[in-house]
Amino acid sequence: VAQPLGTQVLLRNRQTLLLDLKVPAARDLVLRLVDDADALVEG
């Protein structure tokens, strides 16, 4: 269900980066970020 951003409680406490992961350069950026990450989570 569409909700205003402020009511999406599950999204609190973090920043969002918009990337088109079908673009190779965006995929490469994610892999670069992975270098310094402890974990990646996906669903």
PDB file of all heavy atoms in Angstrom:
ATOM      1  N   VAL A   1       0.845  -1.191   0.000  1.00  0.00           N
ATOM      2  CA  VAL A   1       0.000   0.000   0.000  1.00  0.00           C
ATOM      3  C   VAL A   1       0.883   1.244   0.000  1.00  0.00           C
ATOM      4  O   VAL A   1       1.840   1.342   0.775  1.00  0.00           O
ATOM      5  CB  VAL A   1      -0.922   0.006   1.232  1.00  0.00           C
ATOM      6  CG1 VAL A   1      -1.783   1.255   1.246  1.00  0.00           C
ATOM      7  CG2 VAL A   1      -1.798  -1.245   1.239  1.00  0.00           C
ATOM      8  N   ALA A   2       0.572   2.200  -0.881  1.00  0.00           N
ATOM      9  CA  ALA A   2       1.349   3.430  -0.945  1.00  0.00           C
ATOM     10  C   ALA A   2       1.205   4.217   0.355  1.00  0.00           C
ATOM     11  O   ALA A   2       0.105   4.385   0.875  1.00  0.00           O
ATOM     12  CB  ALA A   2       0.892   4.277  -2.128  1.00  0.00           C
ATOM     13  N   GLN A   3       2.342   4.682   0.897  1.00  0.00           N
ATOM     14  CA  GLN A   3       2.351   5.450   2.145  1.00  0.00           C
ATOM     15  C   GLN A   3       3.280   6.638   2.015  1.00  0.00           C
ATOM     16  O   GLN A   3       4.304   6.551   1.321  1.00  0.00           O
ATOM     17  CB  GLN A   3       2.874   4.586   3.308  1.00  0.00           C
ATOM     18  CG  GLN A   3       2.036   3.411   3.705  1.00  0.00           C
ATOM     19  CD  GLN A   3       2.727   2.619   4.803  1.00  0.00           C
ATOM     20  OE1 GLN A   3       2.920   1.422   4.696  1.00  0.00           O
ATOM     21  NE2 GLN A   3       3.096   3.309   5.881  1.00  0.00           N
ATOM     22  N   PRO A   4       2.978   7.738   2.700  1.00  0.00           N
ATOM     23  CA  PRO A   4       3.953   8.829   2.785  1.00  0.00           C
ATOM     24  C   PRO A   4       5.241   8.317   3.413  1.00  0.00           C
ATOM     25  O   PRO A   4       5.228   7.435   4.282  1.00  0.00           O
ATOM     26  CB  PRO A   4       3.257   9.852   3.685  1.00  0.00           C
ATOM     27  CG  PRO A   4       1.800   9.528   3.587  1.00  0.00           C
ATOM     28  CD  PRO A   4       1.721   8.049   3.395  1.00  0.00           C
ATOM     29  N   LEU A   5       6.371   8.865   2.992  1.00  0.00           N
ATOM     30  CA  LEU A   5       7.669   8.377   3.458  1.00  0.00           C
ATOM     31  C   LEU A   5       7.767   8.365   4.977  1.00  0.00           C
ATOM     32  O   LEU A   5       8.261   7.404   5.573  1.00  0.00           O
ATOM     33  CB  LEU A   5       8.786   9.229   2.860  1.00  0.00           C
ATOM     34  CG  LEU A   5      10.205   8.868   3.295  1.00  0.00           C
ATOM     35  CD1 LEU A   5      10.555   7.448   2.867  1.00  0.00           C
ATOM     36  CD2 LEU A   5      11.219   9.858   2.726  1.00  0.00           C
ATOM     37  N   GLY A   6       7.279   9.422   5.618  1.00  0.00           N
ATOM     38  CA  GLY A   6       7.425   9.523   7.068  1.00  0.00           C
ATOM     39  C   GLY A   6       6.705   8.439   7.838  1.00  0.00           C
ATOM     40  O   GLY A   6       7.023   8.189   8.998  1.00  0.00           O
ATOM     41  N   THR A   7       5.721   7.795   7.221  1.00  0.00           N
ATOM     42  CA  THR A   7       4.971   6.737   7.900  1.00  0.00           C
ATOM     43  C   THR A   7       5.551   5.355   7.643  1.00  0.00           C
ATOM     44  O   THR A   7       5.054   4.378   8.199  1.00  0.00           O
ATOM     45  CB  THR A   7       3.500   6.746   7.452  1.00  0.00           C
ATOM     46  OG1 THR A   7       3.418   6.340   6.069  1.00  0.00           O
ATOM     47  CG2 THR A   7       2.884   8.123   7.615  1.00  0.00           C
ATOM     48  N   GLN A   8       6.581   5.254   6.828  1.00  0.00           N
ATOM     49  CA  GLN A   8       7.199   3.958   6.526  1.00  0.00           C
ATOM     50  C   GLN A   8       8.247   3.652   7.591  1.00  0.00           C
ATOM     51  O   GLN A   8       9.450   3.778   7.378  1.00  0.00           O
ATOM     52  CB  GLN A   8       7.785   3.973   5.121  1.00  0.00           C
ATOM     53  CG  GLN A   8       6.729   4.187   4.037  1.00  0.00           C
ATOM     54  CD  GLN A   8       7.309   4.177   2.644  1.00  0.00           C
ATOM     55  OE1 GLN A   8       8.079   3.285   2.287  1.00  0.00           O
ATOM     56  NE2 GLN A   8       6.959   5.177   1.841  1.00  0.00           N
ATOM     57  N   VAL A   9       7.756   3.226   8.748  1.00  0.00           N
ATOM     58  CA  VAL A   9       8.598   3.072   9.935  1.00  0.00           C
ATOM     59  C   VAL A   9       9.763   2.125   9.684  1.00  0.00           C
ATOM     60  O   VAL A   9      10.869   2.315  10.217  1.00  0.00           O
ATOM     61  CB  VAL A   9       7.740   2.590  11.124  1.00  0.00           C
ATOM     62  CG1 VAL A   9       8.607   2.310  12.345  1.00  0.00           C
ATOM     63  CG2 VAL A   9       6.682   3.641  11.453  1.00  0.00           C
ATOM     64  N   LEU A  10       9.584   1.103   8.855  1.00  0.00           N
ATOM     65  CA  LEU A  10      10.645   0.143   8.600  1.00  0.00           C
ATOM     66  C   LEU A  10      11.863   0.773   7.930  1.00  0.00           C
ATOM     67  O   LEU A  10      12.935   0.169   7.903  1.00  0.00           O
ATOM     68  CB  LEU A  10      10.138  -1.005   7.726  1.00  0.00           C
ATOM     69  CG  LEU A  10       9.101  -1.944   8.338  1.00  0.00           C
ATOM     70  CD1 LEU A  10       8.797  -3.081   7.375  1.00  0.00           C
ATOM     71  CD2 LEU A  10       9.568  -2.509   9.670  1.00  0.00           C
ATOM     72  N   LEU A  11      11.706   1.984   7.391  1.00  0.00           N
ATOM     73  CA  LEU A  11      12.814   2.637   6.682  1.00  0.00           C
ATOM     74  C   LEU A  11      13.572   3.636   7.546  1.00  0.00           C
ATOM     75  O   LEU A  11      14.441   4.360   7.046  1.00  0.00           O
ATOM     76  CB  LEU A  11      12.298   3.348   5.426  1.00  0.00           C
ATOM     77  CG  LEU A  11      11.542   2.483   4.420  1.00  0.00           C
ATOM     78  CD1 LEU A  11      11.242   3.272   3.158  1.00  0.00           C
ATOM     79  CD2 LEU A  11      12.310   1.206   4.096  1.00  0.00           C
ATOM     80  N   ARG A  12      13.303   3.684   8.833  1.00  0.00           N
ATOM     81  CA  ARG A  12      13.949   4.673   9.683  1.00  0.00           C
ATOM     82  C   ARG A  12      15.442   4.349   9.860  1.00  0.00           C
ATOM     83  O   ARG A  12      15.896   3.233   9.622  1.00  0.00           O
ATOM     84  CB  ARG A  12      13.252   4.753  11.043  1.00  0.00           C
ATOM     85  CG  ARG A  12      13.482   3.563  11.961  1.00  0.00           C
ATOM     86  CD  ARG A  12      12.584   3.651  13.187  1.00  0.00           C
ATOM     87  NE  ARG A  12      12.865   2.594  14.154  1.00  0.00           N
ATOM     88  CZ  ARG A  12      12.102   2.335  15.205  1.00  0.00           C
ATOM     89  NH1 ARG A  12      10.996   3.054  15.426  1.00  0.00           N
ATOM     90  NH2 ARG A  12      12.428   1.371  16.049  1.00  0.00           N
ATOM     91  N   ASN A  13      16.161   5.359  10.286  1.00  0.00           N
ATOM     92  CA  ASN A  13      17.555   5.204  10.740  1.00  0.00           C
ATOM     93  C   ASN A  13      18.560   4.888   9.646  1.00  0.00           C
ATOM     94  O   ASN A  13      19.633   4.354   9.950  1.00  0.00           O
ATOM     95  CB  ASN A  13      17.650   4.123  11.833  1.00  0.00           C
ATOM     96  CG  ASN A  13      17.564   4.729  13.217  1.00  0.00           C
ATOM     97  OD1 ASN A  13      17.729   5.926  13.389  1.00  0.00           O
ATOM     98  ND2 ASN A  13      17.291   3.903  14.208  1.00  0.00           N
ATOM     99  N   ARG A  14      18.247   5.187   8.380  1.00  0.00           N
ATOM    100  CA  ARG A  14      19.260   4.958   7.363  1.00  0.00           C
ATOM    101  C   ARG A  14      19.038   5.859   6.152  1.00  0.00           C
ATOM    102  O   ARG A  14      17.968   6.415   5.961  1.00  0.00           O
ATOM    103  CB  ARG A  14      19.287   3.498   6.925  1.00  0.00           C
ATOM    104  CG  ARG A  14      17.954   2.892   6.499  1.00  0.00           C
ATOM    105  CD  ARG A  14      18.059   1.383   6.650  1.00  0.00           C
ATOM    106  NE  ARG A  14      16.978   0.624   6.076  1.00  0.00           N
ATOM    107  CZ  ARG A  14      15.831   0.358   6.712  1.00  0.00           C
ATOM    108  NH1 ARG A  14      15.620   0.850   7.923  1.00  0.00           N
ATOM    109  NH2 ARG A  14      14.913  -0.387   6.140  1.00  0.00           N
ATOM    110  N   GLN A  15      20.087   5.969   5.352  1.00  0.00           N
ATOM    111  CA  GLN A  15      20.050   6.774   4.138  1.00  0.00           C
ATOM    112  C   GLN A  15      19.814   5.863   2.934  1.00  0.00           C
ATOM    113  O   GLN A  15      20.171   4.682   2.955  1.00  0.00           O
ATOM    114  CB  GLN A  15      21.370   7.531   3.955  1.00  0.00           C
ATOM    115  CG  GLN A  15      21.680   8.531   5.058  1.00  0.00           C
ATOM    116  CD  GLN A  15      20.787   9.766   4.989  1.00  0.00           C
ATOM    117  OE1 GLN A  15      20.142  10.024   3.979  1.00  0.00           O
ATOM    118  NE2 GLN A  15      20.770  10.529   6.074  1.00  0.00           N
ATOM    119  N   THR A  16      19.236   6.467   1.879  1.00  0.00           N
ATOM    120  CA  THR A  16      18.920   5.706   0.668  1.00  0.00           C
ATOM    121  C   THR A  16      19.676   6.272  -0.524  1.00  0.00           C
ATOM    122  O   THR A  16      19.738   7.488  -0.726  1.00  0.00           O
ATOM    123  CB  THR A  16      17.406   5.740   0.381  1.00  0.00           C
ATOM    124  OG1 THR A  16      16.710   5.112   1.464  1.00  0.00           O
ATOM    125  CG2 THR A  16      17.073   5.009  -0.917  1.00  0.00           C
ATOM    126  N   LEU A  17      20.242   5.357  -1.305  1.00  0.00           N
ATOM    127  CA  LEU A  17      20.930   5.699  -2.543  1.00  0.00           C
ATOM    128  C   LEU A  17      20.165   5.074  -3.700  1.00  0.00           C
ATOM    129  O   LEU A  17      19.845   3.877  -3.659  1.00  0.00           O
ATOM    130  CB  LEU A  17      22.355   5.155  -2.513  1.00  0.00           C
ATOM    131  CG  LEU A  17      23.197   5.308  -3.781  1.00  0.00           C
ATOM    132  CD1 LEU A  17      23.496   6.775  -4.038  1.00  0.00           C
ATOM    133  CD2 LEU A  17      24.482   4.491  -3.652  1.00  0.00           C
ATOM    134  N   LEU A  18      19.839   5.870  -4.720  1.00  0.00           N
ATOM    135  CA  LEU A  18      19.124   5.365  -5.884  1.00  0.00           C
ATOM    136  C   LEU A  18      20.125   4.943  -6.957  1.00  0.00           C
ATOM    137  O   LEU A  18      20.961   5.732  -7.387  1.00  0.00           O
ATOM    138  CB  LEU A  18      18.186   6.441  -6.444  1.00  0.00           C
ATOM    139  CG  LEU A  18      17.092   6.942  -5.496  1.00  0.00           C
ATOM    140  CD1 LEU A  18      16.216   7.966  -6.200  1.00  0.00           C
ATOM    141  CD2 LEU A  18      16.247   5.780  -4.968  1.00  0.00           C
ATOM    142  N   LEU A  19      20.017   3.675  -7.395  1.00  0.00           N
ATOM    143  CA  LEU A  19      20.903   3.140  -8.420  1.00  0.00           C
ATOM    144  C   LEU A  19      20.124   2.231  -9.360  1.00  0.00           C
ATOM    145  O   LEU A  19      19.288   1.430  -8.904  1.00  0.00           O
ATOM    146  CB  LEU A  19      22.039   2.314  -7.801  1.00  0.00           C
ATOM    147  CG  LEU A  19      23.139   3.045  -7.037  1.00  0.00           C
ATOM    148  CD1 LEU A  19      24.123   2.028  -6.473  1.00  0.00           C
ATOM    149  CD2 LEU A  19      23.854   4.053  -7.919  1.00  0.00           C
ATOM    150  N   ASP A  20      20.412   2.332 -10.640  1.00  0.00           N
ATOM    151  CA  ASP A  20      19.866   1.404 -11.624  1.00  0.00           C
ATOM    152  C   ASP A  20      20.860   0.258 -11.760  1.00  0.00           C
ATOM    153  O   ASP A  20      21.883   0.375 -12.453  1.00  0.00           O
ATOM    154  CB  ASP A  20      19.657   2.102 -12.964  1.00  0.00           C
ATOM    155  CG  ASP A  20      19.023   1.188 -14.004  1.00  0.00           C
ATOM    156  OD1 ASP A  20      18.847  -0.022 -13.715  1.00  0.00           O
ATOM    157  OD2 ASP A  20      18.701   1.677 -15.102  1.00  0.00           O
ATOM    158  N   LEU A  21      20.587  -0.853 -11.104  1.00  0.00           N
ATOM    159  CA  LEU A  21      21.557  -1.935 -11.035  1.00  0.00           C
ATOM    160  C   LEU A  21      21.710  -2.690 -12.343  1.00  0.00           C
ATOM    161  O   LEU A  21      22.560  -3.594 -12.443  1.00  0.00           O
ATOM    162  CB  LEU A  21      21.165  -2.899  -9.909  1.00  0.00           C
ATOM    163  CG  LEU A  21      21.186  -2.277  -8.504  1.00  0.00           C
ATOM    164  CD1 LEU A  21      20.787  -3.302  -7.465  1.00  0.00           C
ATOM    165  CD2 LEU A  21      22.561  -1.695  -8.185  1.00  0.00           C
ATOM    166  N   LYS A  22      20.901  -2.338 -13.335  1.00  0.00           N
ATOM    167  CA  LYS A  22      21.097  -2.936 -14.661  1.00  0.00           C
ATOM    168  C   LYS A  22      22.189  -2.214 -15.441  1.00  0.00           C
ATOM    169  O   LYS A  22      22.613  -2.687 -16.505  1.00  0.00           O
ATOM    170  CB  LYS A  22      19.781  -2.906 -15.440  1.00  0.00           C
ATOM    171  CG  LYS A  22      18.696  -3.794 -14.818  1.00  0.00           C
ATOM    172  CD  LYS A  22      17.410  -3.753 -15.618  1.00  0.00           C
ATOM    173  CE  LYS A  22      16.352  -4.643 -14.974  1.00  0.00           C
ATOM    174  NZ  LYS A  22      15.072  -4.622 -15.735  1.00  0.00           N
ATOM    175  N   VAL A  23      22.627  -1.086 -14.924  1.00  0.00           N
ATOM    176  CA  VAL A  23      23.724  -0.323 -15.537  1.00  0.00           C
ATOM    177  C   VAL A  23      25.040  -0.836 -14.952  1.00  0.00           C
ATOM    178  O   VAL A  23      25.209  -0.860 -13.722  1.00  0.00           O
ATOM    179  CB  VAL A  23      23.564   1.185 -15.272  1.00  0.00           C
ATOM    180  CG1 VAL A  23      24.763   1.949 -15.791  1.00  0.00           C
ATOM    181  CG2 VAL A  23      22.272   1.685 -15.894  1.00  0.00           C
ATOM    182  N   PRO A  24      25.983  -1.261 -15.800  1.00  0.00           N
ATOM    183  CA  PRO A  24      27.237  -1.827 -15.284  1.00  0.00           C
ATOM    184  C   PRO A  24      27.969  -0.931 -14.290  1.00  0.00           C
ATOM    185  O   PRO A  24      28.512  -1.423 -13.293  1.00  0.00           O
ATOM    186  CB  PRO A  24      28.067  -2.037 -16.558  1.00  0.00           C
ATOM    187  CG  PRO A  24      27.039  -2.260 -17.633  1.00  0.00           C
ATOM    188  CD  PRO A  24      25.905  -1.348 -17.273  1.00  0.00           C
ATOM    189  N   ALA A  25      27.974   0.382 -14.517  1.00  0.00           N
ATOM    190  CA  ALA A  25      28.684   1.277 -13.602  1.00  0.00           C
ATOM    191  C   ALA A  25      28.036   1.292 -12.221  1.00  0.00           C
ATOM    192  O   ALA A  25      28.719   1.419 -11.202  1.00  0.00           O
ATOM    193  CB  ALA A  25      28.732   2.693 -14.187  1.00  0.00           C
ATOM    194  N   ALA A  26      26.702   1.154 -12.166  1.00  0.00           N
ATOM    195  CA  ALA A  26      26.011   1.105 -10.880  1.00  0.00           C
ATOM    196  C   ALA A  26      26.321  -0.203 -10.162  1.00  0.00           C
ATOM    197  O   ALA A  26      26.539  -0.231  -8.943  1.00  0.00           O
ATOM    198  CB  ALA A  26      24.505   1.260 -11.089  1.00  0.00           C
ATOM    199  N   ARG A  27      26.349  -1.283 -10.931  1.00  0.00           N
ATOM    200  CA  ARG A  27      26.726  -2.569 -10.333  1.00  0.00           C
ATOM    201  C   ARG A  27      28.146  -2.501  -9.782  1.00  0.00           C
ATOM    202  O   ARG A  27      28.432  -2.986  -8.684  1.00  0.00           O
ATOM    203  CB  ARG A  27      26.632  -3.655 -11.396  1.00  0.00           C
ATOM    204  CG  ARG A  27      27.065  -5.041 -10.907  1.00  0.00           C
ATOM    205  CD  ARG A  27      27.486  -5.906 -12.070  1.00  0.00           C
ATOM    206  NE  ARG A  27      28.614  -5.307 -12.787  1.00  0.00           N
ATOM    207  CZ  ARG A  27      28.873  -5.519 -14.071  1.00  0.00           C
ATOM    208  NH1 ARG A  27      28.059  -6.257 -14.800  1.00  0.00           N
ATOM    209  NH2 ARG A  27      29.930  -4.951 -14.627  1.00  0.00           N
ATOM    210  N   ASP A  28      29.045  -1.886 -10.534  1.00  0.00           N
ATOM    211  CA  ASP A  28      30.430  -1.763 -10.072  1.00  0.00           C
ATOM    212  C   ASP A  28      30.513  -0.935  -8.795  1.00  0.00           C
ATOM    213  O   ASP A  28      31.357  -1.211  -7.927  1.00  0.00           O
ATOM    214  CB  ASP A  28      31.285  -1.121 -11.167  1.00  0.00           C
ATOM    215  CG  ASP A  28      31.433  -2.021 -12.397  1.00  0.00           C
ATOM    216  OD1 ASP A  28      31.154  -3.226 -12.278  1.00  0.00           O
ATOM    217  OD2 ASP A  28      31.813  -1.495 -13.459  1.00  0.00           O
ATOM    218  N   LEU A  29      29.657   0.081  -8.666  1.00  0.00           N
ATOM    219  CA  LEU A  29      29.651   0.884  -7.452  1.00  0.00           C
ATOM    220  C   LEU A  29      29.231   0.041  -6.256  1.00  0.00           C
ATOM    221  O   LEU A  29      29.823   0.137  -5.173  1.00  0.00           O
ATOM    222  CB  LEU A  29      28.714   2.083  -7.612  1.00  0.00           C
ATOM    223  CG  LEU A  29      28.484   2.934  -6.359  1.00  0.00           C
ATOM    224  CD1 LEU A  29      29.808   3.441  -5.795  1.00  0.00           C
ATOM    225  CD2 LEU A  29      27.545   4.098  -6.658  1.00  0.00           C
ATOM    226  N   VAL A  30      28.201  -0.797  -6.439  1.00  0.00           N
ATOM    227  CA  VAL A  30      27.778  -1.671  -5.337  1.00  0.00           C
ATOM    228  C   VAL A  30      28.922  -2.592  -4.922  1.00  0.00           C
ATOM    229  O   VAL A  30      29.193  -2.778  -3.724  1.00  0.00           O
ATOM    230  CB  VAL A  30      26.535  -2.493  -5.737  1.00  0.00           C
ATOM    231  CG1 VAL A  30      26.204  -3.525  -4.656  1.00  0.00           C
ATOM    232  CG2 VAL A  30      25.343  -1.577  -5.959  1.00  0.00           C
ATOM    233  N   LEU A  31      29.619  -3.164  -5.906  1.00  0.00           N
ATOM    234  CA  LEU A  31      30.740  -4.047  -5.578  1.00  0.00           C
ATOM    235  C   LEU A  31      31.844  -3.289  -4.851  1.00  0.00           C
ATOM    236  O   LEU A  31      32.492  -3.828  -3.938  1.00  0.00           O
ATOM    237  CB  LEU A  31      31.282  -4.682  -6.857  1.00  0.00           C
ATOM    238  CG  LEU A  31      30.342  -5.695  -7.534  1.00  0.00           C
ATOM    239  CD1 LEU A  31      30.919  -6.161  -8.862  1.00  0.00           C
ATOM    240  CD2 LEU A  31      30.061  -6.882  -6.623  1.00  0.00           C
ATOM    241  N   ARG A  32      32.056  -2.032  -5.208  1.00  0.00           N
ATOM    242  CA  ARG A  32      33.046  -1.228  -4.495  1.00  0.00           C
ATOM    243  C   ARG A  32      32.612  -0.992  -3.053  1.00  0.00           C
ATOM    244  O   ARG A  32      33.445  -1.044  -2.131  1.00  0.00           O
ATOM    245  CB  ARG A  32      33.239   0.100  -5.222  1.00  0.00           C
ATOM    246  CG  ARG A  32      34.281   0.993  -4.586  1.00  0.00           C
ATOM    247  CD  ARG A  32      34.438   2.288  -5.353  1.00  0.00           C
ATOM    248  NE  ARG A  32      35.368   3.190  -4.678  1.00  0.00           N
ATOM    249  CZ  ARG A  32      35.597   4.427  -5.074  1.00  0.00           C
ATOM    250  NH1 ARG A  32      34.984   4.917  -6.154  1.00  0.00           N
ATOM    251  NH2 ARG A  32      36.444   5.198  -4.399  1.00  0.00           N
ATOM    252  N   LEU A  33      31.331  -0.749  -2.853  1.00  0.00           N
ATOM    253  CA  LEU A  33      30.824  -0.548  -1.492  1.00  0.00           C
ATOM    254  C   LEU A  33      30.935  -1.830  -0.679  1.00  0.00           C
ATOM    255  O   LEU A  33      31.184  -1.795   0.537  1.00  0.00           O
ATOM    256  CB  LEU A  33      29.370  -0.083  -1.540  1.00  0.00           C
ATOM    257  CG  LEU A  33      29.133   1.298  -2.166  1.00  0.00           C
ATOM    258  CD1 LEU A  33      27.646   1.538  -2.384  1.00  0.00           C
ATOM    259  CD2 LEU A  33      29.726   2.396  -1.294  1.00  0.00           C
ATOM    260  N   VAL A  34      30.774  -2.971  -1.343  1.00  0.00           N
ATOM    261  CA  VAL A  34      30.882  -4.257  -0.665  1.00  0.00           C
ATOM    262  C   VAL A  34      32.260  -4.439  -0.046  1.00  0.00           C
ATOM    263  O   VAL A  34      32.412  -5.094   0.988  1.00  0.00           O
ATOM    264  CB  VAL A  34      30.571  -5.398  -1.671  1.00  0.00           C
ATOM    265  CG1 VAL A  34      31.122  -6.738  -1.195  1.00  0.00           C
ATOM    266  CG2 VAL A  34      29.060  -5.497  -1.894  1.00  0.00           C
ATOM    267  N   ASP A  35      33.261  -3.834  -0.664  1.00  0.00           N
ATOM    268  CA  ASP A  35      34.637  -3.977  -0.153  1.00  0.00           C
ATOM    269  C   ASP A  35      34.745  -3.598   1.317  1.00  0.00           C
ATOM    270  O   ASP A  35      35.560  -4.178   2.055  1.00  0.00           O
ATOM    271  CB  ASP A  35      35.598  -3.104  -0.967  1.00  0.00           C
ATOM    272  CG  ASP A  35      35.770  -3.582  -2.396  1.00  0.00           C
ATOM    273  OD1 ASP A  35      35.391  -4.734  -2.687  1.00  0.00           O
ATOM    274  OD2 ASP A  35      36.281  -2.791  -3.219  1.00  0.00           O
ATOM    275  N   ASP A  36      33.956  -2.619   1.758  1.00  0.00           N
ATOM    276  CA  ASP A  36      34.069  -2.106   3.128  1.00  0.00           C
ATOM    277  C   ASP A  36      32.870  -2.463   3.998  1.00  0.00           C
ATOM    278  O   ASP A  36      32.699  -1.886   5.073  1.00  0.00           O
ATOM    279  CB  ASP A  36      34.241  -0.587   3.098  1.00  0.00           C
ATOM    280  CG  ASP A  36      35.552  -0.163   2.447  1.00  0.00           C
ATOM    281  OD1 ASP A  36      36.570  -0.822   2.703  1.00  0.00           O
ATOM    282  OD2 ASP A  36      35.539   0.805   1.671  1.00  0.00           O
ATOM    283  N   ALA A  37      32.057  -3.400   3.557  1.00  0.00           N
ATOM    284  CA  ALA A  37      30.847  -3.756   4.302  1.00  0.00           C
ATOM    285  C   ALA A  37      31.066  -5.007   5.136  1.00  0.00           C
ATOM    286  O   ALA A  37      31.849  -5.889   4.768  1.00  0.00           O
ATOM    287  CB  ALA A  37      29.684  -3.967   3.337  1.00  0.00           C
ATOM    288  N   ASP A  38      30.374  -5.074   6.246  1.00  0.00           N
ATOM    289  CA  ASP A  38      30.349  -6.301   7.046  1.00  0.00           C
ATOM    290  C   ASP A  38      29.294  -7.266   6.516  1.00  0.00           C
ATOM    291  O   ASP A  38      29.462  -8.483   6.618  1.00  0.00           O
ATOM    292  CB  ASP A  38      30.036  -5.977   8.510  1.00  0.00           C
ATOM    293  CG  ASP A  38      31.136  -5.181   9.175  1.00  0.00           C
ATOM    294  OD1 ASP A  38      32.207  -5.761   9.420  1.00  0.00           O
ATOM    295  OD2 ASP A  38      30.926  -3.984   9.432  1.00  0.00           O
ATOM    296  N   ALA A  39      28.215  -6.717   5.975  1.00  0.00           N
ATOM    297  CA  ALA A  39      27.129  -7.584   5.518  1.00  0.00           C
ATOM    298  C   ALA A  39      26.356  -6.911   4.402  1.00  0.00           C
ATOM    299  O   ALA A  39      26.346  -5.679   4.272  1.00  0.00           O
ATOM    300  CB  ALA A  39      26.183  -7.929   6.669  1.00  0.00           C
ATOM    301  N   LEU A  40      25.714  -7.721   3.592  1.00  0.00           N
ATOM    302  CA  LEU A  40      24.738  -7.282   2.602  1.00  0.00           C
ATOM    303  C   LEU A  40      23.478  -8.098   2.841  1.00  0.00           C
ATOM    304  O   LEU A  40      23.563  -9.322   3.048  1.00  0.00           O
ATOM    305  CB  LEU A  40      25.264  -7.501   1.178  1.00  0.00           C
ATOM    306  CG  LEU A  40      24.350  -7.102   0.014  1.00  0.00           C
ATOM    307  CD1 LEU A  40      25.192  -6.671  -1.198  1.00  0.00           C
ATOM    308  CD2 LEU A  40      23.421  -8.246  -0.407  1.00  0.00           C
ATOM    309  N   VAL A  41      22.309  -7.439   2.830  1.00  0.00           N
ATOM    310  CA  VAL A  41      21.051  -8.166   3.004  1.00  0.00           C
ATOM    311  C   VAL A  41      20.142  -7.876   1.822  1.00  0.00           C
ATOM    312  O   VAL A  41      20.068  -6.746   1.327  1.00  0.00           O
ATOM    313  CB  VAL A  41      20.345  -7.805   4.332  1.00  0.00           C
ATOM    314  CG1 VAL A  41      21.191  -8.222   5.525  1.00  0.00           C
ATOM    315  CG2 VAL A  41      20.020  -6.322   4.420  1.00  0.00           C
ATOM    316  N   GLU A  42      19.463  -8.915   1.350  1.00  0.00           N
ATOM    317  CA  GLU A  42      18.549  -8.770   0.222  1.00  0.00           C
ATOM    318  C   GLU A  42      17.401  -9.757   0.377  1.00  0.00           C
ATOM    319  O   GLU A  42      17.540 -10.789   1.038  1.00  0.00           O
ATOM    320  CB  GLU A  42      19.283  -8.974  -1.107  1.00  0.00           C
ATOM    321  CG  GLU A  42      19.980 -10.309  -1.264  1.00  0.00           C
ATOM    322  CD  GLU A  42      19.150 -11.332  -2.028  1.00  0.00           C
ATOM    323  OE1 GLU A  42      18.008 -11.011  -2.418  1.00  0.00           O
ATOM    324  OE2 GLU A  42      19.648 -12.451  -2.225  1.00  0.00           O
ATOM    325  N   GLY A  43      16.268  -9.436  -0.251  1.00  0.00           N
ATOM    326  CA  GLY A  43      15.082 -10.275  -0.129  1.00  0.00           C
ATOM    327  C   GLY A  43      14.416 -10.578  -1.453  1.00  0.00           C
ATOM    328  O   GLY A  43      13.191 -10.692  -1.512  1.00  0.00           O
TER     329      GLY A  43
END
